[in-house]
PDB file of N, CA and C in Angstrom:
ATOM      1  N   MET A   1      10.696 -13.185   5.782  1.00  0.00           N
ATOM      2  CA  MET A   1       9.547 -13.272   6.641  1.00  0.00           C
ATOM      3  C   MET A   1       8.532 -14.243   6.049  1.00  0.00           C
ATOM      4  N   THR A   2       8.331 -14.150   4.740  1.00  0.00           N
ATOM      5  CA  THR A   2       7.369 -15.039   4.094  1.00  0.00           C
ATOM      6  C   THR A   2       7.747 -16.498   4.312  1.00  0.00           C
ATOM      7  N   GLY A   3       9.014 -16.821   4.082  1.00  0.00           N
ATOM      8  CA  GLY A   3       9.465 -18.191   4.241  1.00  0.00           C
ATOM      9  C   GLY A   3       9.272 -18.703   5.658  1.00  0.00           C
ATOM     10  N   ALA A   4       9.605 -17.863   6.630  1.00  0.00           N
ATOM     11  CA  ALA A   4       9.469 -18.271   8.037  1.00  0.00           C
ATOM     12  C   ALA A   4       8.009 -18.492   8.402  1.00  0.00           C
ATOM     13  N   LEU A   5       7.130 -17.599   7.958  1.00  0.00           N
ATOM     14  CA  LEU A   5       5.710 -17.746   8.289  1.00  0.00           C
ATOM     15  C   LEU A   5       5.073 -18.928   7.568  1.00  0.00           C
ATOM     16  N   MET A   6       5.509 -19.203   6.353  1.00  0.00           N
ATOM     17  CA  MET A   6       4.916 -20.303   5.600  1.00  0.00           C
ATOM     18  C   MET A   6       5.257 -21.663   6.209  1.00  0.00           C
ATOM     19  N   LEU A   7       6.308 -21.720   7.019  1.00  0.00           N
ATOM     20  CA  LEU A   7       6.626 -22.968   7.722  1.00  0.00           C
ATOM     21  C   LEU A   7       5.538 -23.342   8.718  1.00  0.00           C
ATOM     22  N   HIS A   8       4.682 -22.377   9.060  1.00  0.00           N
ATOM     23  CA  HIS A   8       3.605 -22.606  10.025  1.00  0.00           C
ATOM     24  C   HIS A   8       2.264 -22.894   9.342  1.00  0.00           C
ATOM     25  N   GLY A   9       2.322 -23.189   8.054  1.00  0.00           N
ATOM     26  CA  GLY A   9       1.124 -23.586   7.329  1.00  0.00           C
ATOM     27  C   GLY A   9       0.081 -22.489   7.235  1.00  0.00           C
ATOM     28  N   LYS A  10      -1.182 -22.891   7.367  1.00  0.00           N
ATOM     29  CA  LYS A  10      -2.304 -21.964   7.197  1.00  0.00           C
ATOM     30  C   LYS A  10      -2.223 -20.796   8.180  1.00  0.00           C
ATOM     31  N   GLU A  11      -1.849 -21.076   9.424  1.00  0.00           N
ATOM     32  CA  GLU A  11      -1.740 -20.007  10.428  1.00  0.00           C
ATOM     33  C   GLU A  11      -0.687 -18.978  10.018  1.00  0.00           C
ATOM     34  N   GLY A  12       0.433 -19.446   9.502  1.00  0.00           N
ATOM     35  CA  GLY A  12       1.484 -18.538   9.040  1.00  0.00           C
ATOM     36  C   GLY A  12       1.019 -17.702   7.865  1.00  0.00           C
ATOM     37  N   ALA A  13       0.276 -18.313   6.948  1.00  0.00           N
ATOM     38  CA  ALA A  13      -0.253 -17.580   5.791  1.00  0.00           C
ATOM     39  C   ALA A  13      -1.224 -16.497   6.242  1.00  0.00           C
ATOM     40  N   GLU A  14      -2.020 -16.792   7.248  1.00  0.00           N
ATOM     41  CA  GLU A  14      -2.969 -15.806   7.756  1.00  0.00           C
ATOM     42  C   GLU A  14      -2.244 -14.636   8.421  1.00  0.00           C
ATOM     43  N   VAL A  15      -1.192 -14.923   9.164  1.00  0.00           N
ATOM     44  CA  VAL A  15      -0.400 -13.861   9.799  1.00  0.00           C
ATOM     45  C   VAL A  15       0.243 -12.990   8.727  1.00  0.00           C
ATOM     46  N   LEU A  16       0.803 -13.615   7.701  1.00  0.00           N
ATOM     47  CA  LEU A  16       1.424 -12.873   6.602  1.00  0.00           C
ATOM     48  C   LEU A  16       0.403 -11.986   5.910  1.00  0.00           C
ATOM     49  N   SER A  17      -0.765 -12.531   5.623  1.00  0.00           N
ATOM     50  CA  SER A  17      -1.822 -11.762   4.965  1.00  0.00           C
ATOM     51  C   SER A  17      -2.232 -10.552   5.801  1.00  0.00           C
ATOM     52  N   GLU A  18      -2.345 -10.739   7.105  1.00  0.00           N
ATOM     53  CA  GLU A  18      -2.742  -9.650   7.999  1.00  0.00           C
ATOM     54  C   GLU A  18      -1.674  -8.554   8.024  1.00  0.00           C
ATOM     55  N   ARG A  19      -0.419  -8.942   8.036  1.00  0.00           N
ATOM     56  CA  ARG A  19       0.665  -7.951   8.064  1.00  0.00           C
ATOM     57  C   ARG A  19       0.744  -7.173   6.759  1.00  0.00           C
ATOM     58  N   ILE A  20       0.571  -7.853   5.647  1.00  0.00           N
ATOM     59  CA  ILE A  20       0.581  -7.169   4.349  1.00  0.00           C
ATOM     60  C   ILE A  20      -0.585  -6.197   4.266  1.00  0.00           C
ATOM     61  N   ASP A  21      -1.753  -6.644   4.699  1.00  0.00           N
ATOM     62  CA  ASP A  21      -2.935  -5.786   4.674  1.00  0.00           C
ATOM     63  C   ASP A  21      -2.741  -4.556   5.560  1.00  0.00           C
ATOM     64  N   ARG A  22      -2.123  -4.748   6.718  1.00  0.00           N
ATOM     65  CA  ARG A  22      -1.894  -3.643   7.654  1.00  0.00           C
ATOM     66  C   ARG A  22      -0.974  -2.584   7.048  1.00  0.00           C
ATOM     67  N   LEU A  23      -0.070  -2.985   6.155  1.00  0.00           N
ATOM     68  CA  LEU A  23       0.803  -2.020   5.489  1.00  0.00           C
ATOM     69  C   LEU A  23       0.158  -1.405   4.259  1.00  0.00           C
ATOM     70  N   PHE A  24      -0.518  -2.235   3.448  1.00  0.00           N
ATOM     71  CA  PHE A  24      -1.061  -1.747   2.185  1.00  0.00           C
ATOM     72  C   PHE A  24      -2.335  -0.923   2.336  1.00  0.00           C
ATOM     73  N   GLN A  25      -3.211  -1.271   3.259  1.00  0.00           N
ATOM     74  CA  GLN A  25      -4.502  -0.583   3.342  1.00  0.00           C
ATOM     75  C   GLN A  25      -4.364   0.914   3.574  1.00  0.00           C
ATOM     76  N   PRO A  26      -3.521   1.367   4.494  1.00  0.00           N
ATOM     77  CA  PRO A  26      -3.364   2.820   4.657  1.00  0.00           C
ATOM     78  C   PRO A  26      -2.826   3.497   3.397  1.00  0.00           C
ATOM     79  N   VAL A  27      -1.943   2.817   2.678  1.00  0.00           N
ATOM     80  CA  VAL A  27      -1.405   3.376   1.430  1.00  0.00           C
ATOM     81  C   VAL A  27      -2.525   3.508   0.399  1.00  0.00           C
ATOM     82  N   ILE A  28      -3.338   2.485   0.280  1.00  0.00           N
ATOM     83  CA  ILE A  28      -4.477   2.530  -0.639  1.00  0.00           C
ATOM     84  C   ILE A  28      -5.428   3.655  -0.242  1.00  0.00           C
ATOM     85  N   ASP A  29      -5.701   3.780   1.045  1.00  0.00           N
ATOM     86  CA  ASP A  29      -6.592   4.844   1.523  1.00  0.00           C
ATOM     87  C   ASP A  29      -6.039   6.229   1.190  1.00  0.00           C
ATOM     88  N   ILE A  30      -4.740   6.408   1.329  1.00  0.00           N
ATOM     89  CA  ILE A  30      -4.115   7.690   0.996  1.00  0.00           C
ATOM     90  C   ILE A  30      -4.296   7.994  -0.485  1.00  0.00           C
ATOM     91  N   ILE A  31      -4.029   7.019  -1.324  1.00  0.00           N
ATOM     92  CA  ILE A  31      -4.150   7.221  -2.776  1.00  0.00           C
ATOM     93  C   ILE A  31      -5.588   7.567  -3.150  1.00  0.00           C
ATOM     94  N   TYR A  32      -6.551   6.811  -2.630  1.00  0.00           N
ATOM     95  CA  TYR A  32      -7.957   7.104  -2.905  1.00  0.00           C
ATOM     96  C   TYR A  32      -8.349   8.471  -2.360  1.00  0.00           C
ATOM     97  N   GLY A  33      -7.792   8.836  -1.220  1.00  0.00           N
ATOM     98  CA  GLY A  33      -8.101  10.125  -0.614  1.00  0.00           C
ATOM     99  C   GLY A  33      -7.665  11.313  -1.449  1.00  0.00           C
ATOM    100  N   HIS A  34      -6.679  11.102  -2.302  1.00  0.00           N
ATOM    101  CA  HIS A  34      -6.196  12.167  -3.188  1.00  0.00           C
ATOM    102  C   HIS A  34      -6.740  12.008  -4.611  1.00  0.00           C
ATOM    103  N   GLY A  35      -7.776  11.197  -4.770  1.00  0.00           N
ATOM    104  CA  GLY A  35      -8.437  11.068  -6.070  1.00  0.00           C
ATOM    105  C   GLY A  35      -7.856  10.030  -6.996  1.00  0.00           C
ATOM    106  N   GLY A  36      -6.971   9.192  -6.505  1.00  0.00           N
ATOM    107  CA  GLY A  36      -6.370   8.161  -7.343  1.00  0.00           C
ATOM    108  C   GLY A  36      -6.995   6.803  -7.103  1.00  0.00           C
ATOM    109  N   PHE A  37      -6.507   5.818  -7.829  1.00  0.00           N
ATOM    110  CA  PHE A  37      -6.918   4.432  -7.623  1.00  0.00           C
ATOM    111  C   PHE A  37      -5.758   3.522  -8.008  1.00  0.00           C
ATOM    112  N   ILE A  38      -5.793   2.298  -7.507  1.00  0.00           N
ATOM    113  CA  ILE A  38      -4.763   1.308  -7.822  1.00  0.00           C
ATOM    114  C   ILE A  38      -5.193   0.559  -9.071  1.00  0.00           C
ATOM    115  N   SER A  39      -4.343   0.587 -10.096  1.00  0.00           N
ATOM    116  CA  SER A  39      -4.694  -0.127 -11.329  1.00  0.00           C
ATOM    117  C   SER A  39      -4.161  -1.554 -11.328  1.00  0.00           C
ATOM    118  N   VAL A  40      -3.068  -1.807 -10.600  1.00  0.00           N
ATOM    119  CA  VAL A  40      -2.502  -3.154 -10.564  1.00  0.00           C
ATOM    120  C   VAL A  40      -1.582  -3.295  -9.351  1.00  0.00           C
ATOM    121  N   PHE A  41      -1.596  -4.484  -8.769  1.00  0.00           N
ATOM    122  CA  PHE A  41      -0.625  -4.863  -7.746  1.00  0.00           C
ATOM    123  C   PHE A  41       0.362  -5.816  -8.385  1.00  0.00           C
ATOM    124  N   ALA A  42       1.635  -5.702  -8.012  1.00  0.00           N
ATOM    125  CA  ALA A  42       2.673  -6.605  -8.504  1.00  0.00           C
ATOM    126  C   ALA A  42       3.648  -6.859  -7.364  1.00  0.00           C
ATOM    127  N   GLY A  43       3.553  -8.031  -6.773  1.00  0.00           N
ATOM    128  CA  GLY A  43       4.430  -8.338  -5.648  1.00  0.00           C
ATOM    129  C   GLY A  43       4.160  -7.399  -4.492  1.00  0.00           C
ATOM    130  N   ASP A  44       5.191  -6.673  -4.070  1.00  0.00           N
ATOM    131  CA  ASP A  44       5.021  -5.728  -2.969  1.00  0.00           C
ATOM    132  C   ASP A  44       4.881  -4.292  -3.472  1.00  0.00           C
ATOM    133  N   GLY A  45       4.520  -4.137  -4.737  1.00  0.00           N
ATOM    134  CA  GLY A  45       4.334  -2.813  -5.322  1.00  0.00           C
ATOM    135  C   GLY A  45       2.963  -2.665  -5.945  1.00  0.00           C
ATOM    136  N   ALA A  46       2.638  -1.432  -6.287  1.00  0.00           N
ATOM    137  CA  ALA A  46       1.350  -1.140  -6.916  1.00  0.00           C
ATOM    138  C   ALA A  46       1.525   0.030  -7.870  1.00  0.00           C
ATOM    139  N   THR A  47       0.656   0.098  -8.848  1.00  0.00           N
ATOM    140  CA  THR A  47       0.613   1.236  -9.761  1.00  0.00           C
ATOM    141  C   THR A  47      -0.638   2.030  -9.463  1.00  0.00           C
ATOM    142  N   ALA A  48      -0.446   3.307  -9.161  1.00  0.00           N
ATOM    143  CA  ALA A  48      -1.575   4.190  -8.872  1.00  0.00           C
ATOM    144  C   ALA A  48      -1.801   5.120 -10.059  1.00  0.00           C
ATOM    145  N   VAL A  49      -3.063   5.365 -10.353  1.00  0.00           N
ATOM    146  CA  VAL A  49      -3.455   6.256 -11.440  1.00  0.00           C
ATOM    147  C   VAL A  49      -4.261   7.404 -10.835  1.00  0.00           C
ATOM    148  N   PHE A  50      -3.956   8.614 -11.286  1.00  0.00           N
ATOM    149  CA  PHE A  50      -4.663   9.811 -10.823  1.00  0.00           C
ATOM    150  C   PHE A  50      -5.291  10.489 -12.038  1.00  0.00           C
ATOM    151  N   PRO A  51      -6.539  10.118 -12.348  1.00  0.00           N
ATOM    152  CA  PRO A  51      -7.187  10.664 -13.543  1.00  0.00           C
ATOM    153  C   PRO A  51      -7.617  12.112 -13.326  1.00  0.00           C
ATOM    154  N   GLY A  52      -7.863  12.786 -14.413  1.00  0.00           N
ATOM    155  CA  GLY A  52      -8.370  14.151 -14.325  1.00  0.00           C
ATOM    156  C   GLY A  52      -7.325  15.177 -14.699  1.00  0.00           C
ATOM    157  N   LYS A  53      -7.688  16.407 -14.494  1.00  0.00           N
ATOM    158  CA  LYS A  53      -6.854  17.520 -14.933  1.00  0.00           C
ATOM    159  C   LYS A  53      -6.175  18.239 -13.762  1.00  0.00           C
ATOM    160  N   ALA A  54      -6.025  17.559 -12.645  1.00  0.00           N
ATOM    161  CA  ALA A  54      -5.450  18.195 -11.459  1.00  0.00           C
ATOM    162  C   ALA A  54      -3.930  18.304 -11.549  1.00  0.00           C
ATOM    163  N   GLY A  55      -3.334  17.752 -12.589  1.00  0.00           N
ATOM    164  CA  GLY A  55      -1.890  17.799 -12.722  1.00  0.00           C
ATOM    165  C   GLY A  55      -1.212  16.774 -11.833  1.00  0.00           C
ATOM    166  N   ILE A  56       0.023  17.061 -11.490  1.00  0.00           N
ATOM    167  CA  ILE A  56       0.827  16.114 -10.719  1.00  0.00           C
ATOM    168  C   ILE A  56       0.599  16.243  -9.214  1.00  0.00           C
ATOM    169  N   GLU A  57      -0.081  17.281  -8.779  1.00  0.00           N
ATOM    170  CA  GLU A  57      -0.235  17.549  -7.346  1.00  0.00           C
ATOM    171  C   GLU A  57      -0.821  16.377  -6.553  1.00  0.00           C
ATOM    172  N   PRO A  58      -1.913  15.736  -6.990  1.00  0.00           N
ATOM    173  CA  PRO A  58      -2.446  14.613  -6.199  1.00  0.00           C
ATOM    174  C   PRO A  58      -1.437  13.474  -6.029  1.00  0.00           C
ATOM    175  N   CYS A  59      -0.657  13.226  -7.052  1.00  0.00           N
ATOM    176  CA  CYS A  59       0.363  12.180  -6.981  1.00  0.00           C
ATOM    177  C   CYS A  59       1.433  12.550  -5.966  1.00  0.00           C
ATOM    178  N   LEU A  60       1.905  13.777  -6.019  1.00  0.00           N
ATOM    179  CA  LEU A  60       2.943  14.220  -5.081  1.00  0.00           C
ATOM    180  C   LEU A  60       2.441  14.247  -3.645  1.00  0.00           C
ATOM    181  N   LEU A  61       1.213  14.703  -3.448  1.00  0.00           N
ATOM    182  CA  LEU A  61       0.644  14.716  -2.096  1.00  0.00           C
ATOM    183  C   LEU A  61       0.489  13.296  -1.557  1.00  0.00           C
ATOM    184  N   SER A  62       0.079  12.380  -2.425  1.00  0.00           N
ATOM    185  CA  SER A  62      -0.029  10.977  -2.003  1.00  0.00           C
ATOM    186  C   SER A  62       1.334  10.432  -1.613  1.00  0.00           C
ATOM    187  N   ALA A  63       2.332  10.700  -2.443  1.00  0.00           N
ATOM    188  CA  ALA A  63       3.683  10.212  -2.149  1.00  0.00           C
ATOM    189  C   ALA A  63       4.166  10.756  -0.805  1.00  0.00           C
ATOM    190  N   TRP A  64       3.951  12.048  -0.571  1.00  0.00           N
ATOM    191  CA  TRP A  64       4.360  12.661   0.689  1.00  0.00           C
ATOM    192  C   TRP A  64       3.653  11.997   1.878  1.00  0.00           C
ATOM    193  N   ASP A  65       2.343  11.821   1.746  1.00  0.00           N
ATOM    194  CA  ASP A  65       1.573  11.217   2.844  1.00  0.00           C
ATOM    195  C   ASP A  65       1.983   9.768   3.093  1.00  0.00           C
ATOM    196  N   ILE A  66       2.321   9.045   2.040  1.00  0.00           N
ATOM    197  CA  ILE A  66       2.769   7.658   2.190  1.00  0.00           C
ATOM    198  C   ILE A  66       4.124   7.621   2.903  1.00  0.00           C
ATOM    199  N   ILE A  67       5.016   8.508   2.519  1.00  0.00           N
ATOM    200  CA  ILE A  67       6.319   8.593   3.206  1.00  0.00           C
ATOM    201  C   ILE A  67       6.112   8.896   4.681  1.00  0.00           C
ATOM    202  N   GLU A  68       5.238   9.844   4.977  1.00  0.00           N
ATOM    203  CA  GLU A  68       4.965  10.198   6.373  1.00  0.00           C
ATOM    204  C   GLU A  68       4.349   9.030   7.143  1.00  0.00           C
ATOM    205  N   PHE A  69       3.461   8.284   6.488  1.00  0.00           N
ATOM    206  CA  PHE A  69       2.867   7.111   7.128  1.00  0.00           C
ATOM    207  C   PHE A  69       3.959   6.121   7.543  1.00  0.00           C
ATOM    208  N   PHE A  70       4.871   5.810   6.611  1.00  0.00           N
ATOM    209  CA  PHE A  70       5.917   4.852   6.928  1.00  0.00           C
ATOM    210  C   PHE A  70       6.921   5.413   7.929  1.00  0.00           C
ATOM    211  N   ARG A  71       7.178   6.697   7.866  1.00  0.00           N
ATOM    212  CA  ARG A  71       8.081   7.314   8.836  1.00  0.00           C
ATOM    213  C   ARG A  71       7.516   7.147  10.251  1.00  0.00           C
ATOM    214  N   LYS A  72       6.222   7.347  10.420  1.00  0.00           N
ATOM    215  CA  LYS A  72       5.595   7.218  11.723  1.00  0.00           C
ATOM    216  C   LYS A  72       5.413   5.782  12.157  1.00  0.00           C
ATOM    217  N   THR A  73       5.205   4.888  11.194  1.00  0.00           N
ATOM    218  CA  THR A  73       4.909   3.487  11.474  1.00  0.00           C
ATOM    219  C   THR A  73       6.169   2.674  11.760  1.00  0.00           C
ATOM    220  N   MET A  74       7.201   2.950  11.026  1.00  0.00           N
ATOM    221  CA  MET A  74       8.420   2.133  11.123  1.00  0.00           C
ATOM    222  C   MET A  74       9.289   2.707  12.171  1.00  0.00           C
TER     223      MET A  74
END
């Protein structure tokens, strides 16, 4: 998809950016909603950190909600 859109120059880059944002923003919102934050982006992945003493629960709830988001979206 990236290669095909980049053939359209600046317009293609803008479309690609919008599509990536449309996928990543809800994921980021879910992570923040469970008390986490993104420490780094790498390609099409991210590392989320969940500070505090809440244990693994916020991470698992985020993962579940992200799976549900993609299940409904895709």
